[in-house]
Amino acid sequence: MGWSKEHVIRYSQRTGNDVFLHLKRVKKMLPPEKEMEPEKKIARLAIGMEGGFNPDANKKKYEYEETKAVVILPNFDVIPLPNGDLPEI
């Protein structure tokens, strides 16, 4: 679930839950390896050859950077994860 800061405050006051897991994912575009060629129609039944099917055509164009943290209310104290000071259980 994605909640705003205001919603987390209301939820915490209503339920008494003061500890939350904050997950953040940032999408970053990968730099192109070479000039992008315009897409060509497949002319041959050949894999990886000129005029055939190119397996690298659907190559990954993005990568995701994830950050994880434990947030403790009411002061919104943030503890980045992984953290060796926290017990595993």
PDB file of N, CA and C in Angstrom:
ATOM      1  N   MET A   1       0.835  -1.169   0.000  1.00  0.00           N
ATOM      2  CA  MET A   1       0.000   0.000   0.000  1.00  0.00           C
ATOM      3  C   MET A   1       0.888   1.243   0.000  1.00  0.00           C
ATOM      4  N   GLY A   2       0.461   2.237  -0.683  1.00  0.00           N
ATOM      5  CA  GLY A   2       1.162   3.510  -0.683  1.00  0.00           C
ATOM      6  C   GLY A   2       0.352   4.535   0.094  1.00  0.00           C
ATOM      7  N   TRP A   3       0.944   5.079   1.139  1.00  0.00           N
ATOM      8  CA  TRP A   3       0.241   6.037   1.976  1.00  0.00           C
ATOM      9  C   TRP A   3       1.013   7.339   2.044  1.00  0.00           C
ATOM     10  N   SER A   4       0.275   8.439   2.147  1.00  0.00           N
ATOM     11  CA  SER A   4       0.908   9.737   2.349  1.00  0.00           C
ATOM     12  C   SER A   4       1.275   9.886   3.826  1.00  0.00           C
ATOM     13  N   LYS A   5       2.095  10.875   4.107  1.00  0.00           N
ATOM     14  CA  LYS A   5       2.526  11.115   5.482  1.00  0.00           C
ATOM     15  C   LYS A   5       1.334  11.435   6.383  1.00  0.00           C
ATOM     16  N   GLU A   6       0.390  12.221   5.858  1.00  0.00           N
ATOM     17  CA  GLU A   6      -0.801  12.579   6.643  1.00  0.00           C
ATOM     18  C   GLU A   6      -1.639  11.346   6.971  1.00  0.00           C
ATOM     19  N   HIS A   7      -1.762  10.436   6.012  1.00  0.00           N
ATOM     20  CA  HIS A   7      -2.547   9.217   6.246  1.00  0.00           C
ATOM     21  C   HIS A   7      -1.870   8.332   7.286  1.00  0.00           C
ATOM     22  N   VAL A   8      -0.540   8.251   7.224  1.00  0.00           N
ATOM     23  CA  VAL A   8       0.188   7.435   8.200  1.00  0.00           C
ATOM     24  C   VAL A   8      -0.029   7.993   9.612  1.00  0.00           C
ATOM     25  N   ILE A   9      -0.028   9.315   9.748  1.00  0.00           N
ATOM     26  CA  ILE A   9      -0.268   9.922  11.067  1.00  0.00           C
ATOM     27  C   ILE A   9      -1.662   9.574  11.572  1.00  0.00           C
ATOM     28  N   ARG A  10      -2.684   9.718  10.707  1.00  0.00           N
ATOM     29  CA  ARG A  10      -4.063   9.389  11.117  1.00  0.00           C
ATOM     30  C   ARG A  10      -4.191   7.910  11.454  1.00  0.00           C
ATOM     31  N   TYR A  11      -3.594   7.053  10.624  1.00  0.00           N
ATOM     32  CA  TYR A  11      -3.658   5.605  10.854  1.00  0.00           C
ATOM     33  C   TYR A  11      -2.990   5.252  12.182  1.00  0.00           C
ATOM     34  N   SER A  12      -1.856   5.872  12.471  1.00  0.00           N
ATOM     35  CA  SER A  12      -1.135   5.601  13.706  1.00  0.00           C
ATOM     36  C   SER A  12      -1.954   6.032  14.918  1.00  0.00           C
ATOM     37  N   GLN A  13      -2.587   7.195  14.832  1.00  0.00           N
ATOM     38  CA  GLN A  13      -3.401   7.687  15.946  1.00  0.00           C
ATOM     39  C   GLN A  13      -4.621   6.789  16.169  1.00  0.00           C
ATOM     40  N   ARG A  14      -5.217   6.294  15.092  1.00  0.00           N
ATOM     41  CA  ARG A  14      -6.421   5.482  15.207  1.00  0.00           C
ATOM     42  C   ARG A  14      -6.123   4.070  15.702  1.00  0.00           C
ATOM     43  N   THR A  15      -5.006   3.468  15.244  1.00  0.00           N
ATOM     44  CA  THR A  15      -4.731   2.064  15.552  1.00  0.00           C
ATOM     45  C   THR A  15      -3.696   1.861  16.651  1.00  0.00           C
ATOM     46  N   GLY A  16      -2.860   2.854  16.902  1.00  0.00           N
ATOM     47  CA  GLY A  16      -1.797   2.682  17.884  1.00  0.00           C
ATOM     48  C   GLY A  16      -0.540   2.061  17.296  1.00  0.00           C
ATOM     49  N   ASN A  17      -0.542   1.741  16.006  1.00  0.00           N
ATOM     50  CA  ASN A  17       0.656   1.214  15.344  1.00  0.00           C
ATOM     51  C   ASN A  17       1.600   2.373  15.038  1.00  0.00           C
ATOM     52  N   ASP A  18       2.820   2.286  15.573  1.00  0.00           N
ATOM     53  CA  ASP A  18       3.770   3.379  15.413  1.00  0.00           C
ATOM     54  C   ASP A  18       5.003   3.005  14.601  1.00  0.00           C
ATOM     55  N   VAL A  19       5.112   1.773  14.167  1.00  0.00           N
ATOM     56  CA  VAL A  19       6.282   1.316  13.419  1.00  0.00           C
ATOM     57  C   VAL A  19       5.837   0.913  12.019  1.00  0.00           C
ATOM     58  N   PHE A  20       6.525   1.473  11.004  1.00  0.00           N
ATOM     59  CA  PHE A  20       6.171   1.208   9.612  1.00  0.00           C
ATOM     60  C   PHE A  20       7.422   0.861   8.811  1.00  0.00           C
ATOM     61  N   LEU A  21       7.244   0.088   7.773  1.00  0.00           N
ATOM     62  CA  LEU A  21       8.319  -0.242   6.838  1.00  0.00           C
ATOM     63  C   LEU A  21       8.179   0.671   5.631  1.00  0.00           C
ATOM     64  N   HIS A  22       9.220   1.433   5.326  1.00  0.00           N
ATOM     65  CA  HIS A  22       9.200   2.351   4.185  1.00  0.00           C
ATOM     66  C   HIS A  22      10.040   1.763   3.066  1.00  0.00           C
ATOM     67  N   LEU A  23       9.395   1.471   1.947  1.00  0.00           N
ATOM     68  CA  LEU A  23      10.070   0.948   0.758  1.00  0.00           C
ATOM     69  C   LEU A  23       9.995   2.002  -0.332  1.00  0.00           C
ATOM     70  N   LYS A  24      11.123   2.307  -0.932  1.00  0.00           N
ATOM     71  CA  LYS A  24      11.151   3.304  -1.993  1.00  0.00           C
ATOM     72  C   LYS A  24      11.896   2.720  -3.183  1.00  0.00           C
ATOM     73  N   ARG A  25      11.297   2.845  -4.357  1.00  0.00           N
ATOM     74  CA  ARG A  25      11.901   2.334  -5.582  1.00  0.00           C
ATOM     75  C   ARG A  25      11.985   3.474  -6.593  1.00  0.00           C
ATOM     76  N   VAL A  26      13.206   3.729  -7.076  1.00  0.00           N
ATOM     77  CA  VAL A  26      13.442   4.790  -8.049  1.00  0.00           C
ATOM     78  C   VAL A  26      13.848   4.145  -9.368  1.00  0.00           C
ATOM     79  N   LYS A  27      13.126   4.497 -10.424  1.00  0.00           N
ATOM     80  CA  LYS A  27      13.398   3.950 -11.751  1.00  0.00           C
ATOM     81  C   LYS A  27      14.424   4.836 -12.452  1.00  0.00           C
ATOM     82  N   LYS A  28      15.530   4.216 -12.909  1.00  0.00           N
ATOM     83  CA  LYS A  28      16.582   4.958 -13.596  1.00  0.00           C
ATOM     84  C   LYS A  28      16.801   4.348 -14.978  1.00  0.00           C
ATOM     85  N   MET A  29      16.917   5.218 -15.951  1.00  0.00           N
ATOM     86  CA  MET A  29      17.144   4.762 -17.317  1.00  0.00           C
ATOM     87  C   MET A  29      18.612   4.389 -17.489  1.00  0.00           C
ATOM     88  N   LEU A  30      18.880   3.242 -18.101  1.00  0.00           N
ATOM     89  CA  LEU A  30      20.244   2.822 -18.379  1.00  0.00           C
ATOM     90  C   LEU A  30      20.771   3.579 -19.586  1.00  0.00           C
ATOM     91  N   PRO A  31      22.058   3.909 -19.604  1.00  0.00           N
ATOM     92  CA  PRO A  31      22.601   4.603 -20.774  1.00  0.00           C
ATOM     93  C   PRO A  31      22.608   3.676 -21.989  1.00  0.00           C
ATOM     94  N   PRO A  32      22.305   4.210 -23.161  1.00  0.00           N
ATOM     95  CA  PRO A  32      22.304   3.358 -24.352  1.00  0.00           C
ATOM     96  C   PRO A  32      23.719   2.911 -24.683  1.00  0.00           C
ATOM     97  N   GLU A  33      23.854   1.654 -25.126  1.00  0.00           N
ATOM     98  CA  GLU A  33      25.170   1.110 -25.445  1.00  0.00           C
ATOM     99  C   GLU A  33      25.663   1.617 -26.795  1.00  0.00           C
ATOM    100  N   LYS A  34      24.754   1.817 -27.716  1.00  0.00           N
ATOM    101  CA  LYS A  34      25.111   2.330 -29.040  1.00  0.00           C
ATOM    102  C   LYS A  34      23.916   3.083 -29.580  1.00  0.00           C
ATOM    103  N   GLU A  35      24.070   3.710 -30.723  1.00  0.00           N
ATOM    104  CA  GLU A  35      22.960   4.426 -31.332  1.00  0.00           C
ATOM    105  C   GLU A  35      21.812   3.461 -31.595  1.00  0.00           C
ATOM    106  N   MET A  36      20.638   3.890 -31.222  1.00  0.00           N
ATOM    107  CA  MET A  36      19.464   3.052 -31.439  1.00  0.00           C
ATOM    108  C   MET A  36      19.152   2.980 -32.929  1.00  0.00           C
ATOM    109  N   GLU A  37      18.988   1.767 -33.402  1.00  0.00           N
ATOM    110  CA  GLU A  37      18.621   1.573 -34.792  1.00  0.00           C
ATOM    111  C   GLU A  37      17.104   1.547 -34.888  1.00  0.00           C
ATOM    112  N   PRO A  38      16.552   2.059 -35.986  1.00  0.00           N
ATOM    113  CA  PRO A  38      15.109   1.934 -36.135  1.00  0.00           C
ATOM    114  C   PRO A  38      14.738   0.460 -36.274  1.00  0.00           C
ATOM    115  N   GLU A  39      13.573   0.111 -35.736  1.00  0.00           N
ATOM    116  CA  GLU A  39      13.149  -1.288 -35.797  1.00  0.00           C
ATOM    117  C   GLU A  39      12.926  -1.712 -37.237  1.00  0.00           C
ATOM    118  N   LYS A  40      13.432  -2.891 -37.548  1.00  0.00           N
ATOM    119  CA  LYS A  40      13.275  -3.439 -38.897  1.00  0.00           C
ATOM    120  C   LYS A  40      12.336  -4.629 -38.825  1.00  0.00           C
ATOM    121  N   LYS A  41      11.676  -4.877 -39.909  1.00  0.00           N
ATOM    122  CA  LYS A  41      10.827  -6.052 -39.961  1.00  0.00           C
ATOM    123  C   LYS A  41      11.694  -7.296 -40.081  1.00  0.00           C
ATOM    124  N   ILE A  42      11.206  -8.381 -39.523  1.00  0.00           N
ATOM    125  CA  ILE A  42      11.939  -9.645 -39.617  1.00  0.00           C
ATOM    126  C   ILE A  42      11.748 -10.182 -41.030  1.00  0.00           C
ATOM    127  N   ALA A  43      12.884 -10.363 -41.732  1.00  0.00           N
ATOM    128  CA  ALA A  43      12.835 -10.830 -43.112  1.00  0.00           C
ATOM    129  C   ALA A  43      13.187 -12.309 -43.223  1.00  0.00           C
ATOM    130  N   ARG A  44      13.925 -12.822 -42.267  1.00  0.00           N
ATOM    131  CA  ARG A  44      14.356 -14.216 -42.294  1.00  0.00           C
ATOM    132  C   ARG A  44      13.985 -14.904 -40.995  1.00  0.00           C
ATOM    133  N   LEU A  45      13.945 -16.198 -41.071  1.00  0.00           N
ATOM    134  CA  LEU A  45      13.744 -16.993 -39.869  1.00  0.00           C
ATOM    135  C   LEU A  45      15.130 -17.339 -39.335  1.00  0.00           C
ATOM    136  N   ALA A  46      15.785 -16.322 -38.771  1.00  0.00           N
ATOM    137  CA  ALA A  46      17.139 -16.483 -38.257  1.00  0.00           C
ATOM    138  C   ALA A  46      17.247 -15.725 -36.949  1.00  0.00           C
ATOM    139  N   ILE A  47      17.929 -16.319 -36.001  1.00  0.00           N
ATOM    140  CA  ILE A  47      18.056 -15.704 -34.686  1.00  0.00           C
ATOM    141  C   ILE A  47      19.415 -15.029 -34.576  1.00  0.00           C
ATOM    142  N   GLY A  48      19.415 -13.733 -34.283  1.00  0.00           N
ATOM    143  CA  GLY A  48      20.642 -12.991 -34.059  1.00  0.00           C
ATOM    144  C   GLY A  48      21.428 -12.676 -35.317  1.00  0.00           C
ATOM    145  N   MET A  49      20.829 -12.830 -36.474  1.00  0.00           N
ATOM    146  CA  MET A  49      21.510 -12.526 -37.736  1.00  0.00           C
ATOM    147  C   MET A  49      20.827 -11.345 -38.417  1.00  0.00           C
ATOM    148  N   GLU A  50      21.523 -10.746 -39.362  1.00  0.00           N
ATOM    149  CA  GLU A  50      20.975  -9.619 -40.111  1.00  0.00           C
ATOM    150  C   GLU A  50      19.658 -10.013 -40.767  1.00  0.00           C
ATOM    151  N   GLY A  51      18.625  -9.209 -40.525  1.00  0.00           N
ATOM    152  CA  GLY A  51      17.316  -9.477 -41.112  1.00  0.00           C
ATOM    153  C   GLY A  51      16.479 -10.475 -40.343  1.00  0.00           C
ATOM    154  N   GLY A  52      17.045 -11.049 -39.290  1.00  0.00           N
ATOM    155  CA  GLY A  52      16.318 -12.046 -38.505  1.00  0.00           C
ATOM    156  C   GLY A  52      15.902 -11.494 -37.153  1.00  0.00           C
ATOM    157  N   PHE A  53      15.513 -12.387 -36.270  1.00  0.00           N
ATOM    158  CA  PHE A  53      15.062 -12.015 -34.932  1.00  0.00           C
ATOM    159  C   PHE A  53      16.258 -11.578 -34.095  1.00  0.00           C
ATOM    160  N   ASN A  54      16.146 -10.437 -33.428  1.00  0.00           N
ATOM    161  CA  ASN A  54      17.216  -9.929 -32.581  1.00  0.00           C
ATOM    162  C   ASN A  54      16.840 -10.154 -31.120  1.00  0.00           C
ATOM    163  N   PRO A  55      17.516 -11.062 -30.420  1.00  0.00           N
ATOM    164  CA  PRO A  55      17.144 -11.341 -29.028  1.00  0.00           C
ATOM    165  C   PRO A  55      17.442 -10.180 -28.074  1.00  0.00           C
ATOM    166  N   ASP A  56      18.320  -9.248 -28.486  1.00  0.00           N
ATOM    167  CA  ASP A  56      18.646  -8.110 -27.625  1.00  0.00           C
ATOM    168  C   ASP A  56      17.690  -6.937 -27.809  1.00  0.00           C
ATOM    169  N   ALA A  57      16.689  -7.081 -28.669  1.00  0.00           N
ATOM    170  CA  ALA A  57      15.772  -5.975 -28.949  1.00  0.00           C
ATOM    171  C   ALA A  57      14.979  -5.572 -27.707  1.00  0.00           C
ATOM    172  N   ASN A  58      14.639  -6.530 -26.863  1.00  0.00           N
ATOM    173  CA  ASN A  58      13.858  -6.239 -25.658  1.00  0.00           C
ATOM    174  C   ASN A  58      14.750  -6.196 -24.424  1.00  0.00           C
ATOM    175  N   LYS A  59      15.986  -5.754 -24.607  1.00  0.00           N
ATOM    176  CA  LYS A  59      16.941  -5.676 -23.519  1.00  0.00           C
ATOM    177  C   LYS A  59      16.477  -4.681 -22.462  1.00  0.00           C
ATOM    178  N   LYS A  60      16.909  -4.889 -21.239  1.00  0.00           N
ATOM    179  CA  LYS A  60      16.535  -4.030 -20.121  1.00  0.00           C
ATOM    180  C   LYS A  60      16.955  -2.589 -20.388  1.00  0.00           C
ATOM    181  N   LYS A  61      16.022  -1.659 -20.295  1.00  0.00           N
ATOM    182  CA  LYS A  61      16.302  -0.251 -20.524  1.00  0.00           C
ATOM    183  C   LYS A  61      16.329   0.538 -19.227  1.00  0.00           C
ATOM    184  N   TYR A  62      15.875  -0.082 -18.147  1.00  0.00           N
ATOM    185  CA  TYR A  62      15.793   0.603 -16.865  1.00  0.00           C
ATOM    186  C   TYR A  62      16.372  -0.286 -15.774  1.00  0.00           C
ATOM    187  N   GLU A  63      16.812   0.359 -14.700  1.00  0.00           N
ATOM    188  CA  GLU A  63      17.164  -0.367 -13.485  1.00  0.00           C
ATOM    189  C   GLU A  63      16.474   0.332 -12.327  1.00  0.00           C
ATOM    190  N   TYR A  64      16.274  -0.388 -11.255  1.00  0.00           N
ATOM    191  CA  TYR A  64      15.551   0.158 -10.105  1.00  0.00           C
ATOM    192  C   TYR A  64      16.477   0.212  -8.903  1.00  0.00           C
ATOM    193  N   GLU A  65      16.478   1.353  -8.230  1.00  0.00           N
ATOM    194  CA  GLU A  65      17.244   1.516  -7.008  1.00  0.00           C
ATOM    195  C   GLU A  65      16.257   1.474  -5.852  1.00  0.00           C
ATOM    196  N   GLU A  66      16.451   0.518  -4.952  1.00  0.00           N
ATOM    197  CA  GLU A  66      15.528   0.351  -3.832  1.00  0.00           C
ATOM    198  C   GLU A  66      16.184   0.781  -2.529  1.00  0.00           C
ATOM    199  N   THR A  67      15.404   1.452  -1.691  1.00  0.00           N
ATOM    200  CA  THR A  67      15.843   1.763  -0.335  1.00  0.00           C
ATOM    201  C   THR A  67      14.769   1.262   0.626  1.00  0.00           C
ATOM    202  N   LYS A  68      15.224   0.767   1.754  1.00  0.00           N
ATOM    203  CA  LYS A  68      14.317   0.227   2.774  1.00  0.00           C
ATOM    204  C   LYS A  68      14.677   0.869   4.104  1.00  0.00           C
ATOM    205  N   ALA A  69      13.645   1.161   4.879  1.00  0.00           N
ATOM    206  CA  ALA A  69      13.867   1.765   6.189  1.00  0.00           C
ATOM    207  C   ALA A  69      12.686   1.459   7.100  1.00  0.00           C
ATOM    208  N   VAL A  70      12.961   1.474   8.397  1.00  0.00           N
ATOM    209  CA  VAL A  70      11.913   1.380   9.407  1.00  0.00           C
ATOM    210  C   VAL A  70      11.654   2.805   9.880  1.00  0.00           C
ATOM    211  N   VAL A  71      10.381   3.184   9.914  1.00  0.00           N
ATOM    212  CA  VAL A  71       9.999   4.531  10.352  1.00  0.00           C
ATOM    213  C   VAL A  71       9.189   4.394  11.639  1.00  0.00           C
ATOM    214  N   ILE A  72       9.590   5.164  12.652  1.00  0.00           N
ATOM    215  CA  ILE A  72       8.930   5.110  13.955  1.00  0.00           C
ATOM    216  C   ILE A  72       8.273   6.456  14.224  1.00  0.00           C
ATOM    217  N   LEU A  73       6.978   6.425  14.466  1.00  0.00           N
ATOM    218  CA  LEU A  73       6.221   7.635  14.769  1.00  0.00           C
ATOM    219  C   LEU A  73       6.226   7.875  16.266  1.00  0.00           C
ATOM    220  N   PRO A  74       5.996   9.021  16.770  1.00  0.00           N
ATOM    221  CA  PRO A  74       5.429  10.209  16.162  1.00  0.00           C
ATOM    222  C   PRO A  74       6.474  11.146  15.554  1.00  0.00           C
ATOM    223  N   ASN A  75       7.770  10.918  15.808  1.00  0.00           N
ATOM    224  CA  ASN A  75       8.808  11.841  15.326  1.00  0.00           C
ATOM    225  C   ASN A  75       9.322  11.498  13.933  1.00  0.00           C
ATOM    226  N   PHE A  76       8.799  10.445  13.339  1.00  0.00           N
ATOM    227  CA  PHE A  76       9.259   9.956  12.041  1.00  0.00           C
ATOM    228  C   PHE A  76      10.763   9.679  12.059  1.00  0.00           C
ATOM    229  N   ASP A  77      11.204   8.963  13.092  1.00  0.00           N
ATOM    230  CA  ASP A  77      12.600   8.519  13.158  1.00  0.00           C
ATOM    231  C   ASP A  77      12.805   7.449  12.100  1.00  0.00           C
ATOM    232  N   VAL A  78      13.866   7.574  11.301  1.00  0.00           N
ATOM    233  CA  VAL A  78      14.129   6.661  10.195  1.00  0.00           C
ATOM    234  C   VAL A  78      15.370   5.841  10.502  1.00  0.00           C
ATOM    235  N   ILE A  79      15.237   4.505  10.396  1.00  0.00           N
ATOM    236  CA  ILE A  79      16.357   3.593  10.582  1.00  0.00           C
ATOM    237  C   ILE A  79      16.560   2.854   9.255  1.00  0.00           C
ATOM    238  N   PRO A  80      17.628   3.163   8.524  1.00  0.00           N
ATOM    239  CA  PRO A  80      17.846   2.500   7.239  1.00  0.00           C
ATOM    240  C   PRO A  80      18.102   1.003   7.420  1.00  0.00           C
ATOM    241  N   LEU A  81      17.662   0.227   6.454  1.00  0.00           N
ATOM    242  CA  LEU A  81      17.871  -1.223   6.468  1.00  0.00           C
ATOM    243  C   LEU A  81      18.807  -1.604   5.341  1.00  0.00           C
ATOM    244  N   PRO A  82      19.604  -2.628   5.469  1.00  0.00           N
ATOM    245  CA  PRO A  82      19.814  -3.469   6.648  1.00  0.00           C
ATOM    246  C   PRO A  82      20.616  -2.728   7.714  1.00  0.00           C
ATOM    247  N   ASN A  83      20.380  -3.122   8.956  1.00  0.00           N
ATOM    248  CA  ASN A  83      21.018  -2.457  10.084  1.00  0.00           C
ATOM    249  C   ASN A  83      21.432  -3.528  11.087  1.00  0.00           C
ATOM    250  N   GLY A  84      22.720  -3.609  11.372  1.00  0.00           N
ATOM    251  CA  GLY A  84      23.234  -4.624  12.291  1.00  0.00           C
ATOM    252  C   GLY A  84      22.824  -4.415  13.728  1.00  0.00           C
ATOM    253  N   ASP A  85      22.388  -3.200  14.083  1.00  0.00           N
ATOM    254  CA  ASP A  85      21.985  -2.926  15.464  1.00  0.00           C
ATOM    255  C   ASP A  85      20.589  -3.454  15.777  1.00  0.00           C
ATOM    256  N   LEU A  86      19.805  -3.785  14.771  1.00  0.00           N
ATOM    257  CA  LEU A  86      18.458  -4.300  14.990  1.00  0.00           C
ATOM    258  C   LEU A  86      18.475  -5.818  15.104  1.00  0.00           C
ATOM    259  N   PRO A  87      17.692  -6.385  16.028  1.00  0.00           N
ATOM    260  CA  PRO A  87      17.625  -7.850  16.095  1.00  0.00           C
ATOM    261  C   PRO A  87      16.899  -8.404  14.884  1.00  0.00           C
ATOM    262  N   GLU A  88      17.240  -9.635  14.490  1.00  0.00           N
ATOM    263  CA  GLU A  88      16.623 -10.239  13.290  1.00  0.00           C
ATOM    264  C   GLU A  88      15.163 -10.577  13.508  1.00  0.00           C
ATOM    265  N   ILE A  89      14.779 -10.889  14.726  1.00  0.00           N
ATOM    266  CA  ILE A  89      13.391 -11.299  14.994  1.00  0.00           C
ATOM    267  C   ILE A  89      12.544 -10.062  15.223  1.00  0.00           C
TER     268      ILE A  89
END
